[in-house]
Amino acid sequence: MHARLTPTAALLLTLPPLLWAGNAVVGRLLSELVSPMTLNFLRWLLALALLLPLAGAVLRPSSLLWPHWRRFSMLGLLSVGAYNALLYLALTTSTPINVTLVGSSMPVWMLLIGRLFFAVPISRRQWLGAALSITGVMLVLCRGQLDLLLQVRLVPGDVYILMASAGWAYYSWMLARPTTEPESIRSDWSAFLLAQMAFGLVWSALFAGGEWALDKAHIRWGWPLATALIFIAVGPALIAYRAWGAGVARAGPAAAGFFINLTPLFTALLSSAFLGETPRLYHILAFVLIVGGIVVSSRR
């Protein structure tokens, strides 16, 4: 069936940016309580525990999952293991607004990776939409000082989120491409997500172990951390991933990529409410350009 942007698909693709904006703000709030790789591991460990009663059968030795372990290992690395770890790492040196706006380079990555690795052509309208979005991203990178654009220096957080965006784009195309994996797993969202989590948690554990081995880890247990972990495990993990997968299936990866750019708007609102970080004028202009990219690229 040809992918198209229906109202249902639009709703499904709008919910994850709202929850991921909350994830970015919470990640910033928790930076003093727990180190980024450890936070990512704890988040997905809890999410896996919550999903296990619903779809635990997919991990049994007799499951049809294991002949396809390479694919699920890659899906788990790009989503659970790398994307979220890089996001939390970015938040240690940058603000949630900046991180989510730089992450709005997603449409460009979606188009380029689709063209390079999956032979998907790019229309002129998509190029124009991507250009508008990347202009908004560049506006954030130069902190609103256009005369300094050629002298812009990326802070570590900007680099981390650019890497995360490229990985997430490839992950989204992998979701949309036909595969030989069993239909019994792919058609069951809980089993499909749990399979990714199980492999992703292995990657996440390796990254967290490296963080502790390098003596760069810390954790301060308490109710603030426990409450935050419950939120990021249920909302931005389980609910958002379910909605994103369903939305990508309906609208296609290229159109879906532009919806991630709604995250900065929600982040700006939440940051103002919980962190006291009032958006600057260049943040607002960048968001207008990014939304313009969504509108232009998704019109037929």
Foldseek 3Di string as FASTA:
>chain_A
DDFADDPLLLVLLQQLLLLVLVVLQLLLVCVVAWPLLVLLLLLLVVLLVVLCVVAVVCPDPPHLCVVVLVLLLLLLCLPSAQLRSLSSVLSVWDHSLLLLLLLLLLLVLLQVCCCPPVVDDDDPLLVLLSVLLVVLNLCSQQPNPVVCSVVGDGDSSSVSSVVSSNSVSVSLVSLQDDDPRDPVQNVDLSSVLSSSSVSNSVSSVVVVVVCVVVVNIHHDDDDSSVVSSVSCNPRNRPSSVSSLSVSCNRRNSSLSSLSSLCSSVSNQVVCCVPVVDHDDPSSVVSSVSSVSSNVSNNDD
